[in-house]
Every structure is written in C-alpha cells, then in structure tokens.
Amino acid sequence: MSGNPFDDGEGDWLVVSDADGRHALWRPQLPVPKGWRIVYSGPHRDGALDFVEQNAGATAGTPTA
C-alpha cells in the first residue's frame, strides 16, 4: 500500500480507543499510538465504522501520538 493508508477502504481495519472513550479507525500495519488500545479488528472498513457507531462514547477522531 502506498500513500495514505486510510484512503484505501480495502484490507483489515482496527478501531482504537483511548481512556476518554474516543474511538478512531486505524490500520493494523501502523503502531497504535501511546494511550490508545485496540477494541475491534476486522476485515472490512464498514464493520469498523459500525462498531464505532454502536460503541463510541464520543466523537470519532484521529489519534495523536
């Protein structure tokens, strides 16, 4: 995969969450930022989005290191 790994919807996806309950989509080939943990892993972006919609306590975002 070249370029931005978040642009291509194909492949595996993670949902990561922080201590404040924020959720974000993430790619398994990228290191999970400090303070975030994996709460979902699946083969489809739509499944990850569904997980966020059903479980997020706050707005989804992009983790910062």
C-alpha atoms as a PDB file:
ATOM      1  CA  MET A   1       0.000   0.000   0.000  1.00  0.00           C
ATOM      2  CA  SER A   2       1.423   3.371  -0.944  1.00  0.00           C
ATOM      3  CA  GLY A   3       0.338   6.844   0.035  1.00  0.00           C
ATOM      4  CA  ASN A   4      -2.104   7.403   2.851  1.00  0.00           C
ATOM      5  CA  PRO A   5      -3.134   4.018   4.335  1.00  0.00           C
ATOM      6  CA  PHE A   6      -6.518   5.449   5.324  1.00  0.00           C
ATOM      7  CA  ASP A   7      -7.534   6.386   1.768  1.00  0.00           C
ATOM      8  CA  ASP A   8      -7.989   2.814   0.566  1.00  0.00           C
ATOM      9  CA  GLY A   9     -11.033   1.104   2.070  1.00  0.00           C
ATOM     10  CA  GLU A  10      -9.722  -2.385   1.258  1.00  0.00           C
ATOM     11  CA  GLY A  11      -7.890  -4.551   3.767  1.00  0.00           C
ATOM     12  CA  ASP A  12      -8.072  -5.014   7.500  1.00  0.00           C
ATOM     13  CA  TRP A  13      -9.172  -2.298   9.902  1.00  0.00           C
ATOM     14  CA  LEU A  14      -8.897  -1.665  13.616  1.00  0.00           C
ATOM     15  CA  VAL A  15     -10.839   0.546  15.949  1.00  0.00           C
ATOM     16  CA  VAL A  16      -8.727   2.055  18.695  1.00  0.00           C
ATOM     17  CA  SER A  17      -9.982   3.749  21.850  1.00  0.00           C
ATOM     18  CA  ASP A  18      -8.402   5.983  24.469  1.00  0.00           C
ATOM     19  CA  ALA A  19      -9.080   6.407  28.184  1.00  0.00           C
ATOM     20  CA  ASP A  20     -11.600   9.172  27.440  1.00  0.00           C
ATOM     21  CA  GLY A  21     -13.713   6.803  25.336  1.00  0.00           C
ATOM     22  CA  ARG A  22     -12.834   8.371  21.985  1.00  0.00           C
ATOM     23  CA  HIS A  23     -12.708   5.916  19.088  1.00  0.00           C
ATOM     24  CA  ALA A  24     -10.854   6.071  15.785  1.00  0.00           C
ATOM     25  CA  LEU A  25     -10.310   3.862  12.752  1.00  0.00           C
ATOM     26  CA  TRP A  26      -6.754   2.564  12.466  1.00  0.00           C
ATOM     27  CA  ARG A  27      -4.719   0.262  10.257  1.00  0.00           C
ATOM     28  CA  PRO A  28      -3.061  -2.880  11.661  1.00  0.00           C
ATOM     29  CA  GLN A  29       0.264  -2.200   9.937  1.00  0.00           C
ATOM     30  CA  LEU A  30       0.632   1.076  11.875  1.00  0.00           C
ATOM     31  CA  PRO A  31       1.750   1.224  15.507  1.00  0.00           C
ATOM     32  CA  VAL A  32      -1.074   2.060  17.886  1.00  0.00           C
ATOM     33  CA  PRO A  33      -0.376   5.480  19.434  1.00  0.00           C
ATOM     34  CA  LYS A  34       0.534   5.645  23.117  1.00  0.00           C
ATOM     35  CA  GLY A  35      -2.568   5.823  25.283  1.00  0.00           C
ATOM     36  CA  TRP A  36      -4.788   4.065  22.743  1.00  0.00           C
ATOM     37  CA  ARG A  37      -5.809   0.386  22.683  1.00  0.00           C
ATOM     38  CA  ILE A  38      -7.350  -1.893  20.094  1.00  0.00           C
ATOM     39  CA  VAL A  39     -11.048  -2.567  20.720  1.00  0.00           C
ATOM     40  CA  TYR A  40     -12.013  -4.022  17.324  1.00  0.00           C
ATOM     41  CA  SER A  41     -10.259  -5.834  14.485  1.00  0.00           C
ATOM     42  CA  GLY A  42     -11.903  -6.889  11.249  1.00  0.00           C
ATOM     43  CA  PRO A  43     -11.542  -7.321   7.513  1.00  0.00           C
ATOM     44  CA  HIS A  44     -13.901  -4.537   6.400  1.00  0.00           C
ATOM     45  CA  ARG A  45     -13.958  -0.781   6.924  1.00  0.00           C
ATOM     46  CA  ASP A  46     -17.763  -0.835   7.168  1.00  0.00           C
ATOM     47  CA  GLY A  47     -17.569  -3.269  10.088  1.00  0.00           C
ATOM     48  CA  ALA A  48     -15.175  -0.942  11.900  1.00  0.00           C
ATOM     49  CA  LEU A  49     -17.473   2.016  11.267  1.00  0.00           C
ATOM     50  CA  ASP A  50     -20.456   0.030  12.559  1.00  0.00           C
ATOM     51  CA  PHE A  51     -18.505  -0.798  15.716  1.00  0.00           C
ATOM     52  CA  VAL A  52     -17.733   2.892  16.290  1.00  0.00           C
ATOM     53  CA  GLU A  53     -21.362   3.896  15.750  1.00  0.00           C
ATOM     54  CA  GLN A  54     -22.559   1.266  18.232  1.00  0.00           C
ATOM     55  CA  ASN A  55     -19.871   1.737  20.895  1.00  0.00           C
ATOM     56  CA  ALA A  56     -18.347   5.211  20.769  1.00  0.00           C
ATOM     57  CA  GLY A  57     -18.995   7.414  23.744  1.00  0.00           C
ATOM     58  CA  ALA A  58     -17.530  10.443  21.998  1.00  0.00           C
ATOM     59  CA  THR A  59     -16.817  11.693  18.515  1.00  0.00           C
ATOM     60  CA  ALA A  60     -14.556   9.515  16.403  1.00  0.00           C
ATOM     61  CA  GLY A  61     -11.254  11.119  15.539  1.00  0.00           C
ATOM     62  CA  THR A  62      -7.636  10.545  14.686  1.00  0.00           C
ATOM     63  CA  PRO A  63      -5.313   9.506  17.494  1.00  0.00           C
ATOM     64  CA  THR A  64      -2.283  11.664  18.148  1.00  0.00           C
ATOM     65  CA  ALA A  65       0.973  10.272  19.454  1.00  0.00           C
END
